[in-house]
Structure formats: C-alpha cells, structure tokens
Amino acid sequence: MASLESLNLNLLVTLDALLEARSVTAAARRLGLTQSAVSHALGRLRALLGDAVLVRTPAGMVPTPRAAALEAPLRRALLGLHHLVFEPPGFDPGASTRTFRVATSDLFAVFLAPVVARSRADAPGVDLDIVGSGADPFEGLESGAVDVAIGVNAPGAERFLRLVLLRERFVCLVRTDHPEVGEALDLDTFCRLPHALISPSGRGGGAVDAALAQVGRSRRIALRIKFFLAAPFALARSDLILTAPSRLAQELAAALPLRIVEPPLALPDFDLCLFFHERLRDDPGHRWLRGMVQAALAGEGTVSRDPPGGASLDP
C-alpha cells in the first residue's frame, strides 16, 4: 500500500507541469529538466497512480479522467505548500490571541504600566504572562519556556541576542524627614549611615561597594533584600539609605514619603535589555513583541550578541 513517506514530492510538481502543458517537451522546458527525465517521471507517476495520466491523441496529449480530477486540487495543494514553506504567515496583533511569557525581576513592575497600555491598545487579544526570572534568568530562554527576559548583564547573557531598551543611572533614596540628610549627601555621611541593598541575585555587594572600594571607603549594609518593591516600605520608616535605579526611585518617591538625593560618588550607568533566543529572531509575533516593548519604553534599542555593559542591578 502506497504511503506519503514513499512519495517523492518532485513527482507531484512534474504531474502539475504535465497537466498544465499537456506535453512532455513543454513540461520539461518549464521545469528546467531534460525530456528524458520528464518521460521517466511520467512512467513513475503511471505506476504510482495505476493510471495512464496522459494519453496521446491526434489533438495532442490529454489527461485521463483520473488525472483531470487531480489537476485543480493538486495545484491548490502545491500552492498552499509553497506559501507554507516560502511565505511564513504574518502576525496581526489586532486579531491575535497569542500569549507571550516575559521573565524579569520585580524591577520591571516600574515599566509594566506603559507596556501593558501599549499592548492593550495594539493587541487587545494578546496576553502577557510576567514570570519571575529566578536564579538563572536565561534558563527559560534556552528551554523555550519564556519568550523574552528583561534585565541586565548576568552570566549566560552572551548566548542570546539582546535589544537595549533604555539607559539607567543610580540615585539615592531616603525618607522625606531624614534627620541627617539635607539637600545634598556628602561621602562621609553616606558611608556612616546604614544602607539597604536590593540584591536580586542574593549574593555579595553591588555597584556602590565596588565604587567605594575604588576610593578606599566602605559602607554598612544593615538590610539586604531581594525584592525591589519591598525595601522602600522599610526605608520610609527608618534612617536607611537606598541606592536604586532612577526610574524606580521616581515612582517610589511619588508613592511613599521618600525623596531623591544624588549619590556622593560616581556610579556606573547600566542598560536595561530585552534578551531573546536566536531561533525567535524572525518570528513575526516575536518581532511585534520586541518592537512593542521597545516603543512603550521609548528606547533606542539595537540587536546585538554582546553582553550589555554597565553595572549589575545589585546597587
């Protein structure tokens, strides 16, 4: 019994050309093959179908009833296969019901509002599933469990493509009525007061400690916590200093009794990036997702294989 596994697709392409041209010679010319090759293919088709396919008459070659019945559906099938292989379907955000999974830390909550607003406006049927980035923020990209990861440079980032979303800098936050911090913060006061450190990795110090070490100074970390949106509530009721990304600090100062002061030493800026796997580079829906996030954050992003420069997000 014949099966598709044993069928040479080229035979169907040849059959289509024969049925259209009604001539072995003309079909060979159309296919760029020799007349002998097309005659041989016709013989194989006759054996495969158990039918003469084309028969010679005084008016030329004409298809058998079986072949004539195959002509239109065969052409439609070959055209559909051509579109499937060579013209991948586009992505219509207005009609899509696709779900995209985004891995990130809770810092992204600061940027979530404009992204959700843009997504709802452009693609009301699309769902965004925001998941924690976990111990390895890139594990989900490798396995395909997530579509993109949003964050900063970390071990493993070099394996993926990235889109730079925006450039960030660090500022300091203190409670509004902090008794020892005025309009400006000097280095001695900065080093003497207790600090809160938000460390998504849960390890070591951060960019501030590295900068202090370069000038021979250090600080006391009185509160170490993994979560960006938990530390500020403790900060509002204590004399702690928190060094944080400026956009996060602005949102927190607007919502809590906190104020922003400039750090008393130079701290490195960093890029917030969207990471994705190369296998999704040309997926139409994924291209829309990347462009939508970038547009929502008004970034000037570029795709690159290089890990982003700048500091860790552990300040």
C-alpha atoms as a PDB file:
ATOM      1  CA  MET A   1       0.000   0.000   0.000  1.00  0.00           C
ATOM      2  CA  ALA A   2       1.438   3.389  -1.035  1.00  0.00           C
ATOM      3  CA  SER A   3       2.201   5.986   1.653  1.00  0.00           C
ATOM      4  CA  LEU A   4       3.230   9.640   1.703  1.00  0.00           C
ATOM      5  CA  GLU A   5       6.576   8.635   3.218  1.00  0.00           C
ATOM      6  CA  SER A   6       7.481   6.876  -0.018  1.00  0.00           C
ATOM      7  CA  LEU A   7       6.247   9.692  -2.271  1.00  0.00           C
ATOM      8  CA  ASN A   8       8.757  11.947  -3.997  1.00  0.00           C
ATOM      9  CA  LEU A   9       7.264  15.445  -3.938  1.00  0.00           C
ATOM     10  CA  ASN A  10       9.024  16.215  -7.213  1.00  0.00           C
ATOM     11  CA  LEU A  11       6.704  13.745  -8.919  1.00  0.00           C
ATOM     12  CA  LEU A  12       3.711  15.877  -7.941  1.00  0.00           C
ATOM     13  CA  VAL A  13       5.460  19.016  -9.236  1.00  0.00           C
ATOM     14  CA  THR A  14       6.114  17.184 -12.506  1.00  0.00           C
ATOM     15  CA  LEU A  15       2.488  15.984 -12.668  1.00  0.00           C
ATOM     16  CA  ASP A  16       1.286  19.574 -12.231  1.00  0.00           C
ATOM     17  CA  ALA A  17       3.551  20.740 -15.073  1.00  0.00           C
ATOM     18  CA  LEU A  18       2.403  17.890 -17.346  1.00  0.00           C
ATOM     19  CA  LEU A  19      -1.265  18.582 -16.722  1.00  0.00           C
ATOM     20  CA  GLU A  20      -0.791  22.279 -17.436  1.00  0.00           C
ATOM     21  CA  ALA A  21       1.412  21.886 -20.525  1.00  0.00           C
ATOM     22  CA  ARG A  22      -0.199  18.713 -21.949  1.00  0.00           C
ATOM     23  CA  SER A  23       3.266  17.984 -23.347  1.00  0.00           C
ATOM     24  CA  VAL A  24       6.370  16.212 -22.084  1.00  0.00           C
ATOM     25  CA  THR A  25       8.604  18.592 -24.024  1.00  0.00           C
ATOM     26  CA  ALA A  26       6.860  21.745 -22.754  1.00  0.00           C
ATOM     27  CA  ALA A  27       6.761  20.423 -19.183  1.00  0.00           C
ATOM     28  CA  ALA A  28      10.494  19.664 -19.340  1.00  0.00           C
ATOM     29  CA  ARG A  29      11.177  23.209 -20.553  1.00  0.00           C
ATOM     30  CA  ARG A  30       9.073  24.684 -17.731  1.00  0.00           C
ATOM     31  CA  LEU A  31      10.810  22.558 -15.077  1.00  0.00           C
ATOM     32  CA  GLY A  32      14.316  23.044 -16.467  1.00  0.00           C
ATOM     33  CA  LEU A  33      14.717  19.281 -16.939  1.00  0.00           C
ATOM     34  CA  THR A  34      15.541  17.071 -19.891  1.00  0.00           C
ATOM     35  CA  GLN A  35      12.739  15.488 -21.889  1.00  0.00           C
ATOM     36  CA  SER A  36      14.086  12.090 -20.887  1.00  0.00           C
ATOM     37  CA  ALA A  37      13.830  12.943 -17.154  1.00  0.00           C
ATOM     38  CA  VAL A  38      10.210  14.051 -17.516  1.00  0.00           C
ATOM     39  CA  SER A  39       9.329  10.947 -19.548  1.00  0.00           C
ATOM     40  CA  HIS A  40      10.858   8.815 -16.800  1.00  0.00           C
ATOM     41  CA  ALA A  41       8.867  10.735 -14.158  1.00  0.00           C
ATOM     42  CA  LEU A  42       5.664  10.193 -16.156  1.00  0.00           C
ATOM     43  CA  GLY A  43       6.352   6.478 -16.106  1.00  0.00           C
ATOM     44  CA  ARG A  44       6.745   6.533 -12.332  1.00  0.00           C
ATOM     45  CA  LEU A  45       3.521   8.534 -11.983  1.00  0.00           C
ATOM     46  CA  ARG A  46       1.646   5.980 -14.079  1.00  0.00           C
ATOM     47  CA  ALA A  47       2.933   3.189 -11.860  1.00  0.00           C
ATOM     48  CA  LEU A  48       2.139   5.152  -8.680  1.00  0.00           C
ATOM     49  CA  LEU A  49      -1.414   6.046  -9.704  1.00  0.00           C
ATOM     50  CA  GLY A  50      -2.206   2.905 -11.648  1.00  0.00           C
ATOM     51  CA  ASP A  51      -3.392   5.197 -14.426  1.00  0.00           C
ATOM     52  CA  ALA A  52      -2.113   6.360 -17.832  1.00  0.00           C
ATOM     53  CA  VAL A  53      -2.304  10.008 -16.664  1.00  0.00           C
ATOM     54  CA  LEU A  54      -1.761  11.423 -20.173  1.00  0.00           C
ATOM     55  CA  VAL A  55      -2.630   9.709 -23.422  1.00  0.00           C
ATOM     56  CA  ARG A  56      -1.625  10.666 -26.941  1.00  0.00           C
ATOM     57  CA  THR A  57      -4.425  11.628 -29.359  1.00  0.00           C
ATOM     58  CA  PRO A  58      -4.490  13.278 -32.818  1.00  0.00           C
ATOM     59  CA  ALA A  59      -5.130  16.561 -30.977  1.00  0.00           C
ATOM     60  CA  GLY A  60      -2.121  16.048 -28.666  1.00  0.00           C
ATOM     61  CA  MET A  61      -1.798  14.611 -25.181  1.00  0.00           C
ATOM     62  CA  VAL A  62      -4.899  14.753 -23.000  1.00  0.00           C
ATOM     63  CA  PRO A  63      -5.353  13.774 -19.354  1.00  0.00           C
ATOM     64  CA  THR A  64      -7.297  10.748 -18.307  1.00  0.00           C
ATOM     65  CA  PRO A  65     -10.425  11.331 -16.184  1.00  0.00           C
ATOM     66  CA  ARG A  66      -8.398  10.412 -13.090  1.00  0.00           C
ATOM     67  CA  ALA A  67      -5.676  12.924 -13.940  1.00  0.00           C
ATOM     68  CA  ALA A  68      -8.189  15.619 -14.875  1.00  0.00           C
ATOM     69  CA  ALA A  69      -9.860  15.207 -11.477  1.00  0.00           C
ATOM     70  CA  LEU A  70      -6.490  15.654  -9.782  1.00  0.00           C
ATOM     71  CA  GLU A  71      -5.460  18.798 -11.666  1.00  0.00           C
ATOM     72  CA  ALA A  72      -7.233  21.571  -9.689  1.00  0.00           C
ATOM     73  CA  PRO A  73      -6.835  20.165  -6.150  1.00  0.00           C
ATOM     74  CA  LEU A  74      -3.190  19.276  -6.855  1.00  0.00           C
ATOM     75  CA  ARG A  75      -2.457  22.853  -7.956  1.00  0.00           C
ATOM     76  CA  ARG A  76      -4.147  24.249  -4.845  1.00  0.00           C
ATOM     77  CA  ALA A  77      -2.172  21.871  -2.626  1.00  0.00           C
ATOM     78  CA  LEU A  78       1.150  22.784  -4.218  1.00  0.00           C
ATOM     79  CA  LEU A  79       0.359  26.489  -3.974  1.00  0.00           C
ATOM     80  CA  GLY A  80      -0.547  26.081  -0.290  1.00  0.00           C
ATOM     81  CA  LEU A  81       2.679  24.185   0.333  1.00  0.00           C
ATOM     82  CA  HIS A  82       4.644  26.933  -1.389  1.00  0.00           C
ATOM     83  CA  HIS A  83       3.040  29.574   0.853  1.00  0.00           C
ATOM     84  CA  LEU A  84       3.662  27.423   3.938  1.00  0.00           C
ATOM     85  CA  VAL A  85       7.369  26.973   3.206  1.00  0.00           C
ATOM     86  CA  PHE A  86       8.373  30.192   1.479  1.00  0.00           C
ATOM     87  CA  GLU A  87       5.848  32.730   2.767  1.00  0.00           C
ATOM     88  CA  PRO A  88       5.511  32.213   6.537  1.00  0.00           C
ATOM     89  CA  PRO A  89       2.332  33.689   7.990  1.00  0.00           C
ATOM     90  CA  GLY A  90       2.493  37.219   9.321  1.00  0.00           C
ATOM     91  CA  PHE A  91       1.280  38.404  12.691  1.00  0.00           C
ATOM     92  CA  ASP A  92      -1.842  40.520  13.066  1.00  0.00           C
ATOM     93  CA  PRO A  93      -1.717  41.961  16.605  1.00  0.00           C
ATOM     94  CA  GLY A  94      -5.288  43.198  16.348  1.00  0.00           C
ATOM     95  CA  ALA A  95      -6.584  39.661  15.726  1.00  0.00           C
ATOM     96  CA  SER A  96      -4.053  37.534  17.641  1.00  0.00           C
ATOM     97  CA  THR A  97      -4.881  35.649  20.833  1.00  0.00           C
ATOM     98  CA  ARG A  98      -1.272  34.596  21.474  1.00  0.00           C
ATOM     99  CA  THR A  99       0.244  34.556  24.966  1.00  0.00           C
ATOM    100  CA  PHE A 100       3.797  35.836  25.463  1.00  0.00           C
ATOM    101  CA  ARG A 101       5.803  34.926  28.572  1.00  0.00           C
ATOM    102  CA  VAL A 102       8.228  37.535  29.904  1.00  0.00           C
ATOM    103  CA  ALA A 103      10.810  36.644  32.550  1.00  0.00           C
ATOM    104  CA  THR A 104      12.037  39.539  34.700  1.00  0.00           C
ATOM    105  CA  SER A 105      12.600  40.718  38.246  1.00  0.00           C
ATOM    106  CA  ASP A 106      10.098  42.872  40.092  1.00  0.00           C
ATOM    107  CA  LEU A 107      12.051  45.937  38.942  1.00  0.00           C
ATOM    108  CA  PHE A 108      10.146  45.565  35.669  1.00  0.00           C
ATOM    109  CA  ALA A 109       6.952  46.393  37.566  1.00  0.00           C
ATOM    110  CA  VAL A 110       8.058  50.023  37.268  1.00  0.00           C
ATOM    111  CA  PHE A 111       7.967  49.740  33.459  1.00  0.00           C
ATOM    112  CA  LEU A 112       4.960  47.434  33.240  1.00  0.00           C
ATOM    113  CA  ALA A 113       2.243  50.098  33.001  1.00  0.00           C
ATOM    114  CA  PRO A 114       3.266  51.612  29.622  1.00  0.00           C
ATOM    115  CA  VAL A 115       3.946  48.160  28.169  1.00  0.00           C
ATOM    116  CA  VAL A 116       0.524  46.858  29.211  1.00  0.00           C
ATOM    117  CA  ALA A 117      -1.165  50.014  27.925  1.00  0.00           C
ATOM    118  CA  ARG A 118       0.582  49.720  24.553  1.00  0.00           C
ATOM    119  CA  SER A 119      -0.211  46.005  24.306  1.00  0.00           C
ATOM    120  CA  ARG A 120      -3.888  46.509  25.173  1.00  0.00           C
ATOM    121  CA  ALA A 121      -4.201  49.291  22.605  1.00  0.00           C
ATOM    122  CA  ASP A 122      -2.458  47.454  19.757  1.00  0.00           C
ATOM    123  CA  ALA A 123      -3.363  43.843  20.546  1.00  0.00           C
ATOM    124  CA  PRO A 124      -6.375  43.513  22.875  1.00  0.00           C
ATOM    125  CA  GLY A 125      -6.486  39.735  22.422  1.00  0.00           C
ATOM    126  CA  VAL A 126      -2.811  39.176  23.298  1.00  0.00           C
ATOM    127  CA  ASP A 127      -1.987  38.097  26.860  1.00  0.00           C
ATOM    128  CA  LEU A 128       1.249  38.889  28.712  1.00  0.00           C
ATOM    129  CA  ASP A 129       2.410  36.370  31.311  1.00  0.00           C
ATOM    130  CA  ILE A 130       5.040  38.056  33.507  1.00  0.00           C
ATOM    131  CA  VAL A 131       7.056  35.468  35.425  1.00  0.00           C
ATOM    132  CA  GLY A 132       9.959  35.735  37.854  1.00  0.00           C
ATOM    133  CA  SER A 133      13.416  35.397  36.367  1.00  0.00           C
ATOM    134  CA  GLY A 134      14.546  33.001  39.117  1.00  0.00           C
ATOM    135  CA  ALA A 135      18.100  32.030  39.944  1.00  0.00           C
ATOM    136  CA  ASP A 136      19.009  31.740  36.241  1.00  0.00           C
ATOM    137  CA  PRO A 137      17.234  34.490  34.282  1.00  0.00           C
ATOM    138  CA  PHE A 138      18.126  32.844  30.959  1.00  0.00           C
ATOM    139  CA  GLU A 139      17.104  29.263  31.663  1.00  0.00           C
ATOM    140  CA  GLY A 140      13.627  29.814  30.262  1.00  0.00           C
ATOM    141  CA  LEU A 141      15.009  31.284  27.032  1.00  0.00           C
ATOM    142  CA  GLU A 142      17.085  28.188  26.398  1.00  0.00           C
ATOM    143  CA  SER A 143      14.215  25.779  27.038  1.00  0.00           C
ATOM    144  CA  GLY A 144      11.594  27.897  25.270  1.00  0.00           C
ATOM    145  CA  ALA A 145       9.521  28.281  28.445  1.00  0.00           C
ATOM    146  CA  VAL A 146       9.650  32.084  28.078  1.00  0.00           C
ATOM    147  CA  ASP A 147       9.738  34.349  25.031  1.00  0.00           C
ATOM    148  CA  VAL A 148      11.955  37.125  26.373  1.00  0.00           C
ATOM    149  CA  ALA A 149      13.895  38.007  29.505  1.00  0.00           C
ATOM    150  CA  ILE A 150      14.192  41.630  30.618  1.00  0.00           C
ATOM    151  CA  GLY A 151      17.085  42.630  32.846  1.00  0.00           C
ATOM    152  CA  VAL A 152      20.790  43.458  32.826  1.00  0.00           C
ATOM    153  CA  ASN A 153      24.018  41.632  32.201  1.00  0.00           C
ATOM    154  CA  ALA A 154      24.389  38.314  34.015  1.00  0.00           C
ATOM    155  CA  PRO A 155      26.376  35.137  33.421  1.00  0.00           C
ATOM    156  CA  GLY A 156      24.930  33.419  30.360  1.00  0.00           C
ATOM    157  CA  ALA A 157      23.738  36.599  28.618  1.00  0.00           C
ATOM    158  CA  GLU A 158      26.315  36.211  25.864  1.00  0.00           C
ATOM    159  CA  ARG A 159      24.421  33.185  24.499  1.00  0.00           C
ATOM    160  CA  PHE A 160      21.445  35.318  23.456  1.00  0.00           C
ATOM    161  CA  LEU A 161      20.548  38.287  21.304  1.00  0.00           C
ATOM    162  CA  ARG A 162      19.610  41.479  23.098  1.00  0.00           C
ATOM    163  CA  LEU A 163      17.682  44.656  22.462  1.00  0.00           C
ATOM    164  CA  VAL A 164      18.762  47.661  24.541  1.00  0.00           C
ATOM    165  CA  LEU A 165      15.574  49.222  25.912  1.00  0.00           C
ATOM    166  CA  LEU A 166      16.934  52.154  27.894  1.00  0.00           C
ATOM    167  CA  ARG A 167      19.945  53.530  29.744  1.00  0.00           C
ATOM    168  CA  GLU A 168      19.606  53.910  33.520  1.00  0.00           C
ATOM    169  CA  ARG A 169      21.551  55.520  36.344  1.00  0.00           C
ATOM    170  CA  PHE A 170      21.593  55.164  40.118  1.00  0.00           C
ATOM    171  CA  VAL A 171      20.290  57.699  42.658  1.00  0.00           C
ATOM    172  CA  CYS A 172      19.814  57.571  46.413  1.00  0.00           C
ATOM    173  CA  LEU A 173      16.532  57.450  48.314  1.00  0.00           C
ATOM    174  CA  VAL A 174      15.943  58.467  51.928  1.00  0.00           C
ATOM    175  CA  ARG A 175      12.814  59.148  53.941  1.00  0.00           C
ATOM    176  CA  THR A 176      11.424  62.645  53.499  1.00  0.00           C
ATOM    177  CA  ASP A 177      12.279  63.785  57.042  1.00  0.00           C
ATOM    178  CA  HIS A 178      15.607  62.010  57.354  1.00  0.00           C
ATOM    179  CA  PRO A 179      17.393  63.792  60.262  1.00  0.00           C
ATOM    180  CA  GLU A 180      20.916  63.523  58.847  1.00  0.00           C
ATOM    181  CA  VAL A 181      20.455  64.034  55.105  1.00  0.00           C
ATOM    182  CA  GLY A 182      19.852  67.517  53.718  1.00  0.00           C
ATOM    183  CA  GLU A 183      19.519  68.636  50.120  1.00  0.00           C
ATOM    184  CA  ALA A 184      22.891  67.096  49.322  1.00  0.00           C
ATOM    185  CA  LEU A 185      24.619  63.968  50.600  1.00  0.00           C
ATOM    186  CA  ASP A 186      28.343  64.029  51.335  1.00  0.00           C
ATOM    187  CA  LEU A 187      30.548  60.959  51.164  1.00  0.00           C
ATOM    188  CA  ASP A 188      31.289  60.823  54.920  1.00  0.00           C
ATOM    189  CA  THR A 189      27.580  60.810  55.805  1.00  0.00           C
ATOM    190  CA  PHE A 190      26.894  58.325  53.036  1.00  0.00           C
ATOM    191  CA  CYS A 191      29.489  55.897  54.433  1.00  0.00           C
ATOM    192  CA  ARG A 192      28.456  56.404  58.076  1.00  0.00           C
ATOM    193  CA  LEU A 193      24.691  55.822  57.707  1.00  0.00           C
ATOM    194  CA  PRO A 194      23.227  52.306  57.399  1.00  0.00           C
ATOM    195  CA  HIS A 195      22.236  51.150  53.921  1.00  0.00           C
ATOM    196  CA  ALA A 196      19.620  48.903  52.362  1.00  0.00           C
ATOM    197  CA  LEU A 197      20.857  46.737  49.495  1.00  0.00           C
ATOM    198  CA  ILE A 198      18.431  45.287  46.978  1.00  0.00           C
ATOM    199  CA  SER A 199      20.187  42.231  45.584  1.00  0.00           C
ATOM    200  CA  PRO A 200      18.134  40.147  43.119  1.00  0.00           C
ATOM    201  CA  SER A 201      20.995  37.657  42.974  1.00  0.00           C
ATOM    202  CA  GLY A 202      21.100  37.417  46.771  1.00  0.00           C
ATOM    203  CA  ARG A 203      24.874  37.421  46.614  1.00  0.00           C
ATOM    204  CA  GLY A 204      27.692  39.758  47.571  1.00  0.00           C
ATOM    205  CA  GLY A 205      27.791  43.517  47.344  1.00  0.00           C
ATOM    206  CA  GLY A 206      26.956  45.712  44.405  1.00  0.00           C
ATOM    207  CA  ALA A 207      27.947  48.627  42.215  1.00  0.00           C
ATOM    208  CA  VAL A 208      28.098  51.009  45.190  1.00  0.00           C
ATOM    209  CA  ASP A 209      30.501  48.781  47.115  1.00  0.00           C
ATOM    210  CA  ALA A 210      32.775  48.463  44.078  1.00  0.00           C
ATOM    211  CA  ALA A 211      32.801  52.266  43.607  1.00  0.00           C
ATOM    212  CA  LEU A 212      33.503  52.840  47.312  1.00  0.00           C
ATOM    213  CA  ALA A 213      36.379  50.346  47.244  1.00  0.00           C
ATOM    214  CA  GLN A 214      37.990  52.335  44.427  1.00  0.00           C
ATOM    215  CA  VAL A 215      38.215  55.388  46.713  1.00  0.00           C
ATOM    216  CA  GLY A 216      39.229  53.370  49.770  1.00  0.00           C
ATOM    217  CA  ARG A 217      35.857  53.589  51.536  1.00  0.00           C
ATOM    218  CA  SER A 218      33.131  51.154  52.587  1.00  0.00           C
ATOM    219  CA  ARG A 219      29.570  51.168  53.922  1.00  0.00           C
ATOM    220  CA  ARG A 220      27.465  49.128  56.318  1.00  0.00           C
ATOM    221  CA  ILE A 221      24.630  47.159  54.732  1.00  0.00           C
ATOM    222  CA  ALA A 222      22.022  46.939  57.506  1.00  0.00           C
ATOM    223  CA  LEU A 223      19.292  45.451  55.301  1.00  0.00           C
ATOM    224  CA  ARG A 224      19.857  43.059  52.403  1.00  0.00           C
ATOM    225  CA  ILE A 225      16.756  42.051  50.428  1.00  0.00           C
ATOM    226  CA  LYS A 226      15.992  40.505  47.030  1.00  0.00           C
ATOM    227  CA  PHE A 227      12.852  42.450  46.185  1.00  0.00           C
ATOM    228  CA  PHE A 228      12.840  45.916  44.630  1.00  0.00           C
ATOM    229  CA  LEU A 229       9.346  46.763  45.846  1.00  0.00           C
ATOM    230  CA  ALA A 230       9.706  45.617  49.470  1.00  0.00           C
ATOM    231  CA  ALA A 231      12.694  47.617  50.745  1.00  0.00           C
ATOM    232  CA  PRO A 232      11.156  51.108  50.223  1.00  0.00           C
ATOM    233  CA  PHE A 233       8.469  50.490  52.852  1.00  0.00           C
ATOM    234  CA  ALA A 234      11.171  49.780  55.424  1.00  0.00           C
ATOM    235  CA  LEU A 235      13.103  52.799  54.133  1.00  0.00           C
ATOM    236  CA  ALA A 236      10.138  55.127  54.753  1.00  0.00           C
ATOM    237  CA  ARG A 237      10.168  54.183  58.471  1.00  0.00           C
ATOM    238  CA  SER A 238      13.913  54.144  59.133  1.00  0.00           C
ATOM    239  CA  ASP A 239      17.129  56.078  58.618  1.00  0.00           C
ATOM    240  CA  LEU A 240      18.405  53.724  55.912  1.00  0.00           C
ATOM    241  CA  ILE A 241      19.759  54.894  52.553  1.00  0.00           C
ATOM    242  CA  LEU A 242      18.765  53.009  49.413  1.00  0.00           C
ATOM    243  CA  THR A 243      20.638  53.326  46.125  1.00  0.00           C
ATOM    244  CA  ALA A 244      18.338  52.388  43.252  1.00  0.00           C
ATOM    245  CA  PRO A 245      17.691  52.929  39.524  1.00  0.00           C
ATOM    246  CA  SER A 246      16.378  56.446  38.907  1.00  0.00           C
ATOM    247  CA  ARG A 247      13.045  55.461  37.330  1.00  0.00           C
ATOM    248  CA  LEU A 248      12.270  53.153  40.236  1.00  0.00           C
ATOM    249  CA  ALA A 249      13.250  55.887  42.686  1.00  0.00           C
ATOM    250  CA  GLN A 250      10.950  58.400  40.977  1.00  0.00           C
ATOM    251  CA  GLU A 251       7.968  56.046  41.239  1.00  0.00           C
ATOM    252  CA  LEU A 252       8.706  55.261  44.879  1.00  0.00           C
ATOM    253  CA  ALA A 253       9.192  58.905  45.852  1.00  0.00           C
ATOM    254  CA  ALA A 254       5.808  59.708  44.265  1.00  0.00           C
ATOM    255  CA  ALA A 255       4.045  56.964  46.209  1.00  0.00           C
ATOM    256  CA  LEU A 256       5.817  56.974  49.590  1.00  0.00           C
ATOM    257  CA  PRO A 257       7.280  59.618  51.966  1.00  0.00           C
ATOM    258  CA  LEU A 258      10.685  59.363  50.307  1.00  0.00           C
ATOM    259  CA  ARG A 259      12.922  61.824  48.478  1.00  0.00           C
ATOM    260  CA  ILE A 260      15.746  61.523  45.980  1.00  0.00           C
ATOM    261  CA  VAL A 261      19.288  62.764  46.503  1.00  0.00           C
ATOM    262  CA  GLU A 262      22.270  62.419  44.226  1.00  0.00           C
ATOM    263  CA  PRO A 263      24.922  59.890  45.287  1.00  0.00           C
ATOM    264  CA  PRO A 264      28.168  61.453  46.527  1.00  0.00           C
ATOM    265  CA  LEU A 265      30.360  59.353  44.245  1.00  0.00           C
ATOM    266  CA  ALA A 266      30.397  58.328  40.581  1.00  0.00           C
ATOM    267  CA  LEU A 267      28.373  55.195  39.901  1.00  0.00           C
ATOM    268  CA  PRO A 268      28.255  53.381  36.546  1.00  0.00           C
ATOM    269  CA  ASP A 269      25.167  53.607  34.358  1.00  0.00           C
ATOM    270  CA  PHE A 270      23.646  50.403  33.023  1.00  0.00           C
ATOM    271  CA  ASP A 271      21.459  49.176  30.157  1.00  0.00           C
ATOM    272  CA  LEU A 272      18.087  47.579  30.706  1.00  0.00           C
ATOM    273  CA  CYS A 273      17.868  44.955  27.958  1.00  0.00           C
ATOM    274  CA  LEU A 274      15.443  42.542  26.398  1.00  0.00           C
ATOM    275  CA  PHE A 275      17.111  39.162  25.748  1.00  0.00           C
ATOM    276  CA  PHE A 276      15.797  36.567  23.296  1.00  0.00           C
ATOM    277  CA  HIS A 277      16.880  33.360  21.592  1.00  0.00           C
ATOM    278  CA  GLU A 278      18.120  33.451  18.012  1.00  0.00           C
ATOM    279  CA  ARG A 279      15.534  30.878  16.934  1.00  0.00           C
ATOM    280  CA  LEU A 280      12.845  33.537  17.527  1.00  0.00           C
ATOM    281  CA  ARG A 281      14.636  36.351  15.708  1.00  0.00           C
ATOM    282  CA  ASP A 282      12.415  36.160  12.602  1.00  0.00           C
ATOM    283  CA  ASP A 283       9.153  35.001  14.178  1.00  0.00           C
ATOM    284  CA  PRO A 284       6.569  37.682  13.188  1.00  0.00           C
ATOM    285  CA  GLY A 285       4.787  37.621  16.544  1.00  0.00           C
ATOM    286  CA  HIS A 286       8.044  37.810  18.447  1.00  0.00           C
ATOM    287  CA  ARG A 287       9.213  40.735  16.323  1.00  0.00           C
ATOM    288  CA  TRP A 288       5.984  42.513  17.237  1.00  0.00           C
ATOM    289  CA  LEU A 289       6.517  41.786  20.949  1.00  0.00           C
ATOM    290  CA  ARG A 290      10.057  43.176  20.908  1.00  0.00           C
ATOM    291  CA  GLY A 291       9.031  46.259  18.978  1.00  0.00           C
ATOM    292  CA  MET A 292       6.018  46.857  21.202  1.00  0.00           C
ATOM    293  CA  VAL A 293       8.088  46.734  24.411  1.00  0.00           C
ATOM    294  CA  GLN A 294      10.733  48.995  22.914  1.00  0.00           C
ATOM    295  CA  ALA A 295       8.153  51.505  21.670  1.00  0.00           C
ATOM    296  CA  ALA A 296       6.351  51.507  25.010  1.00  0.00           C
ATOM    297  CA  LEU A 297       9.570  52.352  26.810  1.00  0.00           C
ATOM    298  CA  ALA A 298      10.636  54.782  24.073  1.00  0.00           C
ATOM    299  CA  GLY A 299      14.082  53.181  23.896  1.00  0.00           C
ATOM    300  CA  GLU A 300      16.674  53.451  21.181  1.00  0.00           C
ATOM    301  CA  GLY A 301      17.453  49.736  21.029  1.00  0.00           C
ATOM    302  CA  THR A 302      19.711  47.715  18.807  1.00  0.00           C
ATOM    303  CA  VAL A 303      20.097  43.954  18.440  1.00  0.00           C
ATOM    304  CA  SER A 304      23.464  42.601  19.496  1.00  0.00           C
ATOM    305  CA  ARG A 305      25.201  39.417  20.600  1.00  0.00           C
ATOM    306  CA  ASP A 306      27.422  41.236  23.076  1.00  0.00           C
ATOM    307  CA  PRO A 307      26.512  41.221  26.756  1.00  0.00           C
ATOM    308  CA  PRO A 308      25.364  44.663  27.912  1.00  0.00           C
ATOM    309  CA  GLY A 309      27.885  46.873  29.619  1.00  0.00           C
ATOM    310  CA  GLY A 310      27.365  48.773  32.858  1.00  0.00           C
ATOM    311  CA  ALA A 311      26.706  47.671  36.354  1.00  0.00           C
ATOM    312  CA  SER A 312      24.915  44.834  37.979  1.00  0.00           C
ATOM    313  CA  LEU A 313      21.449  45.698  39.198  1.00  0.00           C
ATOM    314  CA  ASP A 314      22.633  44.968  42.736  1.00  0.00           C
ATOM    315  CA  PRO A 315      23.263  48.546  43.910  1.00  0.00           C
END
